[in-house]
Amino acid sequence: MRIGILGTGQMAAALGGAWVRAGHEVMVGGRDAAAAAGTAAGIGAAGHGSLAEAAGYGEAVLVAVPADAAPRLTGELAPALAGRTVLDCTVPMVPAADGPAITTAGGTDSVAARLAEAAPDARVAKVFGICHESIWTLRRPVFEGARLAVPFCTDTPAAAAVVAELITSMGCTPLPCGGLDRAALLEGTAVFAVGVWWSGGEARHAFPAPALAPGAVDDEP
């Protein structure tokens, strides 16, 4: 698959590197040509260029810029993004007194929904934002004997198919979680997890499977 990346930071490099290892062709785009070139060289990408060039490069485009800048950038690139699957990995948060705070309005509001509004002809998916970028540097993320499950939300079957293919190629398991009206749940979960990590805890310790309790039966969905 051909994948364009908007951004040159740590998440862009981690996910881009994972896709290169999986055999995909990646182009890194940035406002700073030197930064784009450096990130591309570091991960072995097929090329680098401007944000507009990366947006028009392939069938999937990763938005890996700060959450507050993502909707405006997506709107600027909307013509190039039309018909493509846009992967939103952003986490909308700011530091607060009690830990990181989410910056969206709650309910169904999310960065992913704002991207879909800014680029209505694109197929937006919320994905890859739950894990720290270091996880994507692993060749085959496996924990406690199970492949990493990657949750995602999207409104279109075409985007779901692209996302599932990418996730599977990375050695992970796709975990569909509904439409974009549920993307805010993934963003909130990411903010919660970051807060736990910042406090020195482990988010995974808060979510044991019901089946692990002796004699327990999983709850009905």
Protein backbone atom coordinates (compact mmCIF):
# COMPACT_ATOMS: atom_id res chain seq x y z
CA MET A 1 0.00 0.00 0.00
CA ARG A 2 1.13 3.59 -0.62
CA ILE A 3 0.83 5.75 2.49
CA GLY A 4 1.40 9.47 2.87
CA ILE A 5 2.35 10.86 6.28
CA LEU A 6 1.53 14.40 7.35
CA GLY A 7 4.08 15.24 10.02
CA THR A 8 7.68 14.53 10.95
CA GLY A 9 7.53 13.82 14.69
CA GLN A 10 7.88 10.71 16.81
CA MET A 11 4.50 9.18 15.95
CA ALA A 12 5.07 9.80 12.24
CA ALA A 13 8.45 8.06 12.46
CA ALA A 14 7.21 5.15 14.59
CA LEU A 15 4.17 4.31 12.45
CA GLY A 16 5.97 5.08 9.21
CA GLY A 17 8.81 2.77 10.21
CA ALA A 18 6.34 0.00 11.07
CA TRP A 19 4.72 0.33 7.64
CA VAL A 20 8.06 0.30 5.84
CA ARG A 21 8.97 -2.91 7.69
CA ALA A 22 5.60 -4.36 6.64
CA GLY A 23 6.43 -3.72 2.99
CA HIS A 24 4.37 -0.58 2.33
CA GLU A 25 5.61 2.45 0.39
CA VAL A 26 5.70 5.55 2.58
CA MET A 27 6.13 9.23 1.79
CA VAL A 28 6.80 11.71 4.60
CA GLY A 29 5.46 15.23 4.18
CA GLY A 30 6.22 18.28 6.30
CA ARG A 31 6.33 22.05 6.26
CA ASP A 32 10.07 21.82 6.96
CA ALA A 33 11.78 20.08 4.04
CA ALA A 34 14.84 19.17 6.09
CA ALA A 35 12.71 17.59 8.83
CA ALA A 36 10.73 15.61 6.27
CA ALA A 37 13.93 14.40 4.64
CA GLY A 38 15.42 13.41 7.98
CA THR A 39 12.36 11.45 9.09
CA ALA A 40 12.11 9.73 5.71
CA ALA A 41 15.76 8.73 5.78
CA GLY A 42 15.48 7.47 9.34
CA ILE A 43 12.69 5.02 8.54
CA GLY A 44 13.69 4.08 5.00
CA ALA A 45 10.69 5.75 3.39
CA ALA A 46 10.24 5.78 -0.36
CA GLY A 47 10.41 9.56 -0.41
CA HIS A 48 9.63 12.88 1.21
CA GLY A 49 8.09 16.16 0.17
CA SER A 50 5.57 18.81 1.08
CA LEU A 51 2.39 18.19 3.06
CA ALA A 52 0.37 18.50 -0.15
CA GLU A 53 2.56 15.95 -1.90
CA ALA A 54 2.19 13.48 0.95
CA ALA A 55 -1.58 14.03 1.04
CA GLY A 56 -1.85 13.05 -2.60
CA TYR A 57 0.62 10.18 -2.49
CA GLY A 58 -1.38 7.09 -1.71
CA GLU A 59 -4.65 5.48 -0.75
CA ALA A 60 -4.05 6.11 2.96
CA VAL A 61 -2.83 9.30 4.66
CA LEU A 62 -1.73 9.52 8.30
CA VAL A 63 -2.41 12.78 10.13
CA ALA A 64 0.42 12.94 12.68
CA VAL A 65 0.40 16.61 13.68
CA PRO A 66 -0.75 18.23 16.96
CA ALA A 67 -4.46 17.68 17.54
CA ASP A 68 -5.30 21.38 17.61
CA ALA A 69 -3.70 21.90 14.18
CA ALA A 70 -5.11 18.79 12.51
CA PRO A 71 -8.56 20.06 11.44
CA ARG A 72 -7.17 23.23 9.86
CA LEU A 73 -4.46 21.30 8.01
CA THR A 74 -6.97 18.70 6.84
CA GLY A 75 -9.22 21.45 5.54
CA GLU A 76 -6.34 23.02 3.63
CA LEU A 77 -5.57 19.66 2.02
CA ALA A 78 -9.18 18.57 1.52
CA PRO A 79 -9.02 18.42 -2.32
CA ALA A 80 -5.95 16.14 -2.21
CA LEU A 81 -7.50 13.96 0.51
CA ALA A 82 -10.75 13.34 -1.37
CA GLY A 83 -11.38 9.62 -1.84
CA ARG A 84 -8.50 8.61 0.44
CA THR A 85 -8.53 6.95 3.85
CA VAL A 86 -7.36 9.51 6.42
CA LEU A 87 -5.85 7.95 9.55
CA ASP A 88 -6.24 10.18 12.61
CA CYS A 89 -3.84 9.21 15.43
CA THR A 90 -4.04 12.50 17.32
CA VAL A 91 -4.71 12.79 21.06
CA PRO A 92 -6.50 16.03 22.04
CA MET A 93 -5.08 16.88 25.44
CA VAL A 94 -3.35 19.55 27.49
CA PRO A 95 -1.66 19.37 30.90
CA ALA A 96 -3.92 20.20 33.86
CA ALA A 97 -3.65 20.23 37.64
CA ASP A 98 -4.96 16.68 38.05
CA GLY A 99 -3.31 15.25 34.94
CA PRO A 100 -3.90 15.57 31.20
CA ALA A 101 -7.27 17.04 30.19
CA ILE A 102 -9.12 16.38 26.95
CA THR A 103 -9.62 19.44 24.76
CA THR A 104 -12.69 18.36 22.79
CA ALA A 105 -16.22 19.11 23.96
CA GLY A 106 -17.24 15.58 24.89
CA GLY A 107 -20.16 13.56 23.61
CA THR A 108 -19.67 12.83 19.93
CA ASP A 109 -17.19 15.66 19.41
CA SER A 110 -13.72 14.42 18.51
CA VAL A 111 -10.74 15.43 16.41
CA ALA A 112 -11.73 12.67 13.99
CA ALA A 113 -15.21 14.15 13.57
CA ARG A 114 -13.67 17.57 12.97
CA LEU A 115 -11.37 16.12 10.31
CA ALA A 116 -14.35 14.52 8.58
CA GLU A 117 -16.12 17.87 8.60
CA ALA A 118 -13.04 19.66 7.26
CA ALA A 119 -12.53 17.12 4.46
CA PRO A 120 -16.02 15.73 3.71
CA ASP A 121 -14.89 13.73 0.68
CA ALA A 122 -12.20 11.86 2.63
CA ARG A 123 -12.79 8.60 4.53
CA VAL A 124 -11.66 9.34 8.09
CA ALA A 125 -10.70 6.66 10.62
CA LYS A 126 -9.66 7.15 14.24
CA VAL A 127 -6.83 4.70 14.86
CA PHE A 128 -3.33 4.20 16.34
CA GLY A 129 -3.78 6.85 19.07
CA ILE A 130 -4.18 4.58 22.09
CA CYS A 131 -0.60 3.25 22.27
CA HIS A 132 2.55 5.20 23.02
CA GLU A 133 4.67 5.66 19.90
CA SER A 134 7.32 3.28 21.30
CA ILE A 135 4.93 0.35 20.82
CA TRP A 136 4.97 0.86 17.05
CA THR A 137 8.74 0.40 16.96
CA LEU A 138 8.28 -3.29 17.86
CA ARG A 139 8.43 -5.64 14.91
CA ARG A 140 5.51 -7.78 16.06
CA PRO A 141 3.74 -6.34 19.12
CA VAL A 142 2.77 -9.34 21.29
CA PHE A 143 1.87 -9.05 24.96
CA GLU A 144 1.11 -11.95 27.30
CA GLY A 145 1.03 -14.26 24.29
CA ALA A 146 -1.56 -12.25 22.35
CA ARG A 147 -1.09 -9.98 19.34
CA LEU A 148 -1.76 -6.32 20.08
CA ALA A 149 -5.37 -5.37 19.36
CA VAL A 150 -5.70 -2.01 17.60
CA PRO A 151 -9.10 -0.31 18.05
CA PHE A 152 -10.47 1.94 15.33
CA CYS A 153 -13.60 3.87 14.43
CA THR A 154 -14.81 4.82 10.97
CA ASP A 155 -18.07 5.38 9.12
CA THR A 156 -17.14 3.75 5.82
CA PRO A 157 -16.53 0.09 4.93
CA ALA A 158 -13.81 1.12 2.46
CA ALA A 159 -11.82 2.86 5.21
CA ALA A 160 -12.39 -0.06 7.57
CA ALA A 161 -10.92 -2.44 4.98
CA VAL A 162 -7.83 -0.27 4.48
CA VAL A 163 -7.30 0.13 8.24
CA ALA A 164 -7.74 -3.60 8.87
CA GLU A 165 -5.22 -4.42 6.14
CA LEU A 166 -2.66 -2.03 7.60
CA ILE A 167 -3.13 -3.31 11.14
CA THR A 168 -2.86 -6.94 10.06
CA SER A 169 0.28 -6.25 8.03
CA MET A 170 1.89 -4.87 11.22
CA GLY A 171 1.32 -8.18 13.01
CA CYS A 172 -1.58 -6.80 15.05
CA THR A 173 -5.30 -7.59 15.33
CA PRO A 174 -7.93 -5.12 14.02
CA LEU A 175 -10.54 -4.19 16.64
CA PRO A 176 -13.48 -2.32 15.03
CA CYS A 177 -15.25 -0.10 17.57
CA GLY A 178 -18.05 1.52 15.56
CA GLY A 179 -18.48 4.74 13.65
CA LEU A 180 -16.90 8.15 14.09
CA ASP A 181 -19.58 9.06 16.63
CA ARG A 182 -17.62 6.75 18.96
CA ALA A 183 -14.18 8.17 18.15
CA ALA A 184 -14.42 10.43 21.19
CA LEU A 185 -14.33 7.29 23.36
CA LEU A 186 -10.97 6.30 21.87
CA GLU A 187 -9.60 9.81 22.34
CA GLY A 188 -10.79 9.86 25.97
CA THR A 189 -9.23 6.46 26.57
CA ALA A 190 -5.91 7.70 25.20
CA VAL A 191 -5.97 10.73 27.50
CA PHE A 192 -6.80 8.48 30.47
CA ALA A 193 -3.93 6.12 29.61
CA VAL A 194 -1.45 8.98 29.29
CA GLY A 195 -2.51 10.25 32.71
CA VAL A 196 -1.94 6.84 34.26
CA TRP A 197 1.51 6.56 32.67
CA TRP A 198 2.45 10.04 33.81
CA SER A 199 1.50 9.08 37.38
CA GLY A 200 3.79 6.05 37.19
CA GLY A 201 1.00 3.49 36.88
CA GLU A 202 0.08 0.88 34.26
CA ALA A 203 -3.17 1.41 32.38
CA ARG A 204 -3.43 -2.29 31.55
CA HIS A 205 -3.72 -3.11 35.25
CA ALA A 206 -7.06 -1.28 35.32
CA PHE A 207 -8.66 -3.49 32.65
CA PRO A 208 -8.33 -7.18 33.61
CA ALA A 209 -10.50 -9.56 31.60
CA PRO A 210 -13.54 -10.84 33.54
CA ALA A 211 -12.57 -14.37 32.43
CA LEU A 212 -9.40 -14.15 34.54
CA ALA A 213 -11.42 -14.29 37.76
CA PRO A 214 -11.87 -17.87 39.07
CA GLY A 215 -15.29 -19.17 38.07
CA ALA A 216 -16.23 -15.94 36.33
CA VAL A 217 -18.16 -15.76 33.08
CA ASP A 218 -17.71 -12.88 30.62
CA ASP A 219 -20.55 -10.39 30.69
CA GLU A 220 -23.00 -10.50 27.84
CA PRO A 221 -22.46 -7.67 25.28
